[in-house]
PDB file of N, CA and C in Angstrom:
ATOM      1  N   MET A   1     -14.335 -12.748   0.158  1.00  0.00           N
ATOM      2  CA  MET A   1     -14.364 -12.104  -1.286  1.00  0.00           C
ATOM      3  C   MET A   1     -13.495 -10.855  -1.196  1.00  0.00           C
ATOM      4  N   PHE A   2     -14.225  -9.935   0.425  1.00  0.00           N
ATOM      5  CA  PHE A   2     -13.652  -8.892   0.354  1.00  0.00           C
ATOM      6  C   PHE A   2     -12.545  -8.141   1.188  1.00  0.00           C
ATOM      7  N   VAL A   3     -11.884  -9.913   1.855  1.00  0.00           N
ATOM      8  CA  VAL A   3     -10.015 -10.225   2.333  1.00  0.00           C
ATOM      9  C   VAL A   3      -9.240 -10.160   0.647  1.00  0.00           C
ATOM     10  N   SER A   4      -9.807 -11.121  -0.054  1.00  0.00           N
ATOM     11  CA  SER A   4      -9.261 -11.140  -1.820  1.00  0.00           C
ATOM     12  C   SER A   4      -9.251 -10.068  -1.886  1.00  0.00           C
ATOM     13  N   LYS A   5     -10.448  -8.930  -2.014  1.00  0.00           N
ATOM     14  CA  LYS A   5     -10.059  -7.659  -2.684  1.00  0.00           C
ATOM     15  C   LYS A   5      -9.095  -6.650  -1.775  1.00  0.00           C
ATOM     16  N   LEU A   6      -8.455  -6.938  -0.416  1.00  0.00           N
ATOM     17  CA  LEU A   6      -7.891  -6.377   0.224  1.00  0.00           C
ATOM     18  C   LEU A   6      -6.327  -6.882   0.255  1.00  0.00           C
ATOM     19  N   ALA A   7      -6.300  -8.066  -0.130  1.00  0.00           N
ATOM     20  CA  ALA A   7      -4.945  -8.434  -0.730  1.00  0.00           C
ATOM     21  C   ALA A   7      -4.750  -7.783  -1.947  1.00  0.00           C
ATOM     22  N   ASN A   8      -5.383  -7.788  -2.529  1.00  0.00           N
ATOM     23  CA  ASN A   8      -4.901  -7.262  -4.008  1.00  0.00           C
ATOM     24  C   ASN A   8      -4.685  -6.000  -3.826  1.00  0.00           C
ATOM     25  N   ALA A   9      -5.191  -5.504  -2.650  1.00  0.00           N
ATOM     26  CA  ALA A   9      -4.914  -3.989  -3.031  1.00  0.00           C
ATOM     27  C   ALA A   9      -3.469  -3.480  -2.378  1.00  0.00           C
ATOM     28  N   ASP A  10      -3.381  -4.527  -1.667  1.00  0.00           N
ATOM     29  CA  ASP A  10      -2.018  -4.468  -0.863  1.00  0.00           C
ATOM     30  C   ASP A  10      -1.084  -5.262  -1.646  1.00  0.00           C
ATOM     31  N   GLY A  11      -1.232  -5.489  -2.633  1.00  0.00           N
ATOM     32  CA  GLY A  11       0.109  -6.535  -3.697  1.00  0.00           C
ATOM     33  C   GLY A  11       0.516  -4.704  -4.872  1.00  0.00           C
ATOM     34  N   GLU A  12      -1.203  -4.140  -5.150  1.00  0.00           N
ATOM     35  CA  GLU A  12      -0.824  -3.408  -5.988  1.00  0.00           C
ATOM     36  C   GLU A  12      -0.083  -2.022  -5.057  1.00  0.00           C
ATOM     37  N   ALA A  13      -0.218  -2.187  -4.175  1.00  0.00           N
ATOM     38  CA  ALA A  13       0.548  -0.925  -2.877  1.00  0.00           C
ATOM     39  C   ALA A  13       2.579  -1.490  -2.743  1.00  0.00           C
ATOM     40  N   THR A  14       1.805  -2.757  -3.397  1.00  0.00           N
ATOM     41  CA  THR A  14       3.435  -3.189  -3.300  1.00  0.00           C
ATOM     42  C   THR A  14       3.903  -2.696  -4.198  1.00  0.00           C
ATOM     43  N   GLU A  15       3.491  -3.320  -5.236  1.00  0.00           N
ATOM     44  CA  GLU A  15       4.310  -2.694  -6.775  1.00  0.00           C
ATOM     45  C   GLU A  15       4.541  -1.675  -6.908  1.00  0.00           C
ATOM     46  N   THR A  16       3.565  -0.450  -6.710  1.00  0.00           N
ATOM     47  CA  THR A  16       4.222   0.457  -6.637  1.00  0.00           C
ATOM     48  C   THR A  16       5.071   1.404  -5.828  1.00  0.00           C
ATOM     49  N   GLN A  17       5.249   0.489  -4.719  1.00  0.00           N
ATOM     50  CA  GLN A  17       6.418   0.857  -4.121  1.00  0.00           C
ATOM     51  C   GLN A  17       8.018   0.489  -4.967  1.00  0.00           C
ATOM     52  N   VAL A  18       7.683  -0.679  -5.420  1.00  0.00           N
ATOM     53  CA  VAL A  18       8.567  -0.968  -6.680  1.00  0.00           C
ATOM     54  C   VAL A  18       9.231  -0.141  -7.628  1.00  0.00           C
ATOM     55  N   TRP A  19       7.980   0.595  -7.534  1.00  0.00           N
ATOM     56  CA  TRP A  19       8.029   1.504  -8.989  1.00  0.00           C
ATOM     57  C   TRP A  19       8.702   2.890  -9.002  1.00  0.00           C
ATOM     58  N   LEU A  20       8.345   3.575  -7.302  1.00  0.00           N
ATOM     59  CA  LEU A  20       8.577   4.066  -6.978  1.00  0.00           C
ATOM     60  C   LEU A  20      10.265   3.913  -6.952  1.00  0.00           C
ATOM     61  N   ASP A  21      10.754   2.660  -6.112  1.00  0.00           N
ATOM     62  CA  ASP A  21      12.499   2.604  -6.098  1.00  0.00           C
ATOM     63  C   ASP A  21      12.860   2.696  -7.762  1.00  0.00           C
ATOM     64  N   PHE A  22      11.998   2.717  -8.361  1.00  0.00           N
ATOM     65  CA  PHE A  22      13.251   2.553  -9.847  1.00  0.00           C
ATOM     66  C   PHE A  22      13.029   4.045 -10.212  1.00  0.00           C
ATOM     67  N   ALA A  23      11.711   5.073  -9.666  1.00  0.00           N
ATOM     68  CA  ALA A  23      11.689   5.944 -10.180  1.00  0.00           C
ATOM     69  C   ALA A  23      13.023   7.059  -9.555  1.00  0.00           C
ATOM     70  N   HIS A  24      13.480   6.276  -8.122  1.00  0.00           N
ATOM     71  CA  HIS A  24      14.306   7.230  -6.914  1.00  0.00           C
ATOM     72  C   HIS A  24      15.649   6.559  -7.874  1.00  0.00           C
ATOM     73  N   ASP A  25      15.720   5.551  -8.291  1.00  0.00           N
ATOM     74  CA  ASP A  25      17.271   4.816  -8.219  1.00  0.00           C
ATOM     75  C   ASP A  25      16.941   5.230 -10.420  1.00  0.00           C
ATOM     76  N   CYS A  26      16.209   6.059 -10.831  1.00  0.00           N
ATOM     77  CA  CYS A  26      16.895   7.056 -12.046  1.00  0.00           C
ATOM     78  C   CYS A  26      16.626   8.240 -12.004  1.00  0.00           C
ATOM     79  N   GLU A  27      16.457   8.829 -10.903  1.00  0.00           N
ATOM     80  CA  GLU A  27      16.797  10.150 -10.315  1.00  0.00           C
ATOM     81  C   GLU A  27      15.332  10.836 -11.325  1.00  0.00           C
ATOM     82  N   TYR A  28      14.487  10.295 -11.537  1.00  0.00           N
ATOM     83  CA  TYR A  28      12.942  10.662 -11.489  1.00  0.00           C
ATOM     84  C   TYR A  28      12.770  11.206  -9.778  1.00  0.00           C
ATOM     85  N   LEU A  29      12.717  11.221  -9.084  1.00  0.00           N
ATOM     86  CA  LEU A  29      12.129  11.365  -7.550  1.00  0.00           C
ATOM     87  C   LEU A  29      13.772  12.044  -7.009  1.00  0.00           C
ATOM     88  N   SER A  30      13.121  13.013  -6.265  1.00  0.00           N
ATOM     89  CA  SER A  30      14.124  13.790  -5.841  1.00  0.00           C
ATOM     90  C   SER A  30      14.006  13.138  -3.997  1.00  0.00           C
ATOM     91  N   PRO A  31      15.035  12.890  -3.734  1.00  0.00           N
ATOM     92  CA  PRO A  31      15.463  11.781  -2.355  1.00  0.00           C
ATOM     93  C   PRO A  31      14.268  12.042  -1.423  1.00  0.00           C
ATOM     94  N   GLU A  32      13.756  13.456  -1.548  1.00  0.00           N
ATOM     95  CA  GLU A  32      12.961  13.438  -0.148  1.00  0.00           C
ATOM     96  C   GLU A  32      11.705  13.239  -0.544  1.00  0.00           C
ATOM     97  N   LYS A  33      11.161  13.743  -1.940  1.00  0.00           N
ATOM     98  CA  LYS A  33       9.385  13.356  -2.393  1.00  0.00           C
ATOM     99  C   LYS A  33       8.894  11.687  -2.168  1.00  0.00           C
ATOM    100  N   TYR A  34      10.864  11.010  -2.642  1.00  0.00           N
ATOM    101  CA  TYR A  34      10.549   9.607  -2.189  1.00  0.00           C
ATOM    102  C   TYR A  34      10.623   8.725  -0.899  1.00  0.00           C
ATOM    103  N   ARG A  35      10.738   9.159  -0.273  1.00  0.00           N
ATOM    104  CA  ARG A  35      10.823   9.176   1.562  1.00  0.00           C
ATOM    105  C   ARG A  35       9.133   9.589   1.860  1.00  0.00           C
ATOM    106  N   GLU A  36       8.687  10.847   1.043  1.00  0.00           N
ATOM    107  CA  GLU A  36       7.551  10.514   1.190  1.00  0.00           C
ATOM    108  C   GLU A  36       6.402   9.810   0.864  1.00  0.00           C
ATOM    109  N   LEU A  37       6.866   9.822  -0.775  1.00  0.00           N
ATOM    110  CA  LEU A  37       5.879   8.614  -0.921  1.00  0.00           C
ATOM    111  C   LEU A  37       5.536   6.919  -0.625  1.00  0.00           C
ATOM    112  N   VAL A  38       7.215   6.371   0.050  1.00  0.00           N
ATOM    113  CA  VAL A  38       7.176   5.662   0.128  1.00  0.00           C
ATOM    114  C   VAL A  38       6.634   5.533   1.864  1.00  0.00           C
ATOM    115  N   LYS A  39       6.477   6.517   2.608  1.00  0.00           N
ATOM    116  CA  LYS A  39       6.424   6.328   4.391  1.00  0.00           C
ATOM    117  C   LYS A  39       4.251   6.334   3.954  1.00  0.00           C
ATOM    118  N   SER A  40       4.549   7.292   2.593  1.00  0.00           N
ATOM    119  CA  SER A  40       2.906   7.065   2.421  1.00  0.00           C
ATOM    120  C   SER A  40       2.246   5.353   1.955  1.00  0.00           C
ATOM    121  N   TYR A  41       3.216   4.918   1.551  1.00  0.00           N
ATOM    122  CA  TYR A  41       2.290   3.561   1.434  1.00  0.00           C
ATOM    123  C   TYR A  41       2.924   2.055   2.141  1.00  0.00           C
ATOM    124  N   GLU A  42       3.709   2.659   3.018  1.00  0.00           N
ATOM    125  CA  GLU A  42       3.949   1.826   4.350  1.00  0.00           C
ATOM    126  C   GLU A  42       3.044   1.563   5.080  1.00  0.00           C
ATOM    127  N   GLU A  43       2.317   3.478   5.582  1.00  0.00           N
ATOM    128  CA  GLU A  43       0.976   3.276   6.028  1.00  0.00           C
ATOM    129  C   GLU A  43      -0.594   2.913   5.087  1.00  0.00           C
ATOM    130  N   VAL A  44      -0.115   2.984   3.980  1.00  0.00           N
ATOM    131  CA  VAL A  44      -1.556   2.489   3.218  1.00  0.00           C
ATOM    132  C   VAL A  44      -1.749   0.442   3.177  1.00  0.00           C
ATOM    133  N   GLY A  45      -0.205   0.334   3.441  1.00  0.00           N
ATOM    134  CA  GLY A  45       0.004  -1.383   3.848  1.00  0.00           C
ATOM    135  C   GLY A  45      -0.375  -1.727   5.137  1.00  0.00           C
ATOM    136  N   LYS A  46       0.210  -0.964   6.480  1.00  0.00           N
ATOM    137  CA  LYS A  46      -0.387  -1.152   7.102  1.00  0.00           C
ATOM    138  C   LYS A  46      -1.956  -1.254   7.502  1.00  0.00           C
ATOM    139  N   MET A  47      -2.494   0.241   6.615  1.00  0.00           N
ATOM    140  CA  MET A  47      -3.846  -0.197   6.811  1.00  0.00           C
ATOM    141  C   MET A  47      -4.447  -1.504   6.412  1.00  0.00           C
ATOM    142  N   LEU A  48      -4.492  -1.576   5.947  1.00  0.00           N
ATOM    143  CA  LEU A  48      -4.852  -2.459   4.554  1.00  0.00           C
ATOM    144  C   LEU A  48      -4.443  -4.170   5.662  1.00  0.00           C
ATOM    145  N   GLY A  49      -3.359  -4.632   6.171  1.00  0.00           N
ATOM    146  CA  GLY A  49      -2.956  -5.724   7.042  1.00  0.00           C
ATOM    147  C   GLY A  49      -3.899  -5.645   7.941  1.00  0.00           C
ATOM    148  N   SER A  50      -4.408  -4.518   8.578  1.00  0.00           N
ATOM    149  CA  SER A  50      -5.290  -4.484  10.200  1.00  0.00           C
ATOM    150  C   SER A  50      -6.281  -5.057   9.502  1.00  0.00           C
ATOM    151  N   MET A  51      -6.940  -4.088   8.460  1.00  0.00           N
ATOM    152  CA  MET A  51      -7.956  -4.523   7.530  1.00  0.00           C
ATOM    153  C   MET A  51      -8.590  -5.847   7.355  1.00  0.00           C
ATOM    154  N   MET A  52      -7.112  -6.687   7.234  1.00  0.00           N
ATOM    155  CA  MET A  52      -7.463  -8.398   6.420  1.00  0.00           C
ATOM    156  C   MET A  52      -7.370  -8.703   7.682  1.00  0.00           C
ATOM    157  N   SER A  53      -6.772  -8.313   8.815  1.00  0.00           N
ATOM    158  CA  SER A  53      -6.983  -9.524   9.854  1.00  0.00           C
ATOM    159  C   SER A  53      -7.854  -8.889  11.216  1.00  0.00           C
ATOM    160  N   MET A  54      -8.922  -8.428  10.793  1.00  0.00           N
ATOM    161  CA  MET A  54     -10.273  -8.185  11.086  1.00  0.00           C
ATOM    162  C   MET A  54     -11.143  -7.392  10.275  1.00  0.00           C
ATOM    163  N   PRO A  55     -11.589  -8.259   8.724  1.00  0.00           N
ATOM    164  CA  PRO A  55     -12.543  -8.169   7.821  1.00  0.00           C
ATOM    165  C   PRO A  55     -13.832  -7.381   8.516  1.00  0.00           C
ATOM    166  N   GLU A  56     -14.279  -8.417   9.744  1.00  0.00           N
ATOM    167  CA  GLU A  56     -15.446  -8.328  10.242  1.00  0.00           C
ATOM    168  C   GLU A  56     -15.820  -6.668  10.694  1.00  0.00           C
ATOM    169  N   LYS A  57     -15.104  -6.038  10.984  1.00  0.00           N
ATOM    170  CA  LYS A  57     -15.178  -4.667  11.435  1.00  0.00           C
ATOM    171  C   LYS A  57     -15.417  -3.596  10.511  1.00  0.00           C
ATOM    172  N   PHE A  58     -14.800  -4.299   9.054  1.00  0.00           N
ATOM    173  CA  PHE A  58     -15.083  -2.742   7.893  1.00  0.00           C
ATOM    174  C   PHE A  58     -16.183  -3.629   7.231  1.00  0.00           C
ATOM    175  N   MET A  59     -16.851  -4.230   7.086  1.00  0.00           N
ATOM    176  CA  MET A  59     -17.769  -4.879   6.020  1.00  0.00           C
ATOM    177  C   MET A  59     -18.613  -4.450   6.560  1.00  0.00           C
ATOM    178  N   PRO A  60     -20.610  -4.290   5.466  1.00  0.00           N
ATOM    179  CA  PRO A  60     -21.232  -3.873   6.120  1.00  0.00           C
ATOM    180  C   PRO A  60     -22.356  -4.650   6.820  1.00  0.00           C
ATOM    181  N   ARG A  61     -22.812  -4.006   7.821  1.00  0.00           N
ATOM    182  CA  ARG A  61     -23.937  -5.390   8.151  1.00  0.00           C
ATOM    183  C   ARG A  61     -24.940  -5.539   7.545  1.00  0.00           C
ATOM    184  N   LYS A  62     -25.642  -6.386   7.993  1.00  0.00           N
ATOM    185  CA  LYS A  62     -26.859  -7.397   7.207  1.00  0.00           C
ATOM    186  C   LYS A  62     -27.766  -6.588   8.205  1.00  0.00           C
TER     187      LYS A  62
END
């Protein structure tokens, strides 16, 4: 269940990156702001990937 929620979060972050691409292409974002946001979402993706590969480190202990 926990990994499933992480996978959902990763999917949502990826979808946001697609919307950032659209916003950039339509010139709603400056190139600098676009790069800053994409870099942040890439970092979020890496963190979620790490959490999915070792979920036991992030789950509450019983």
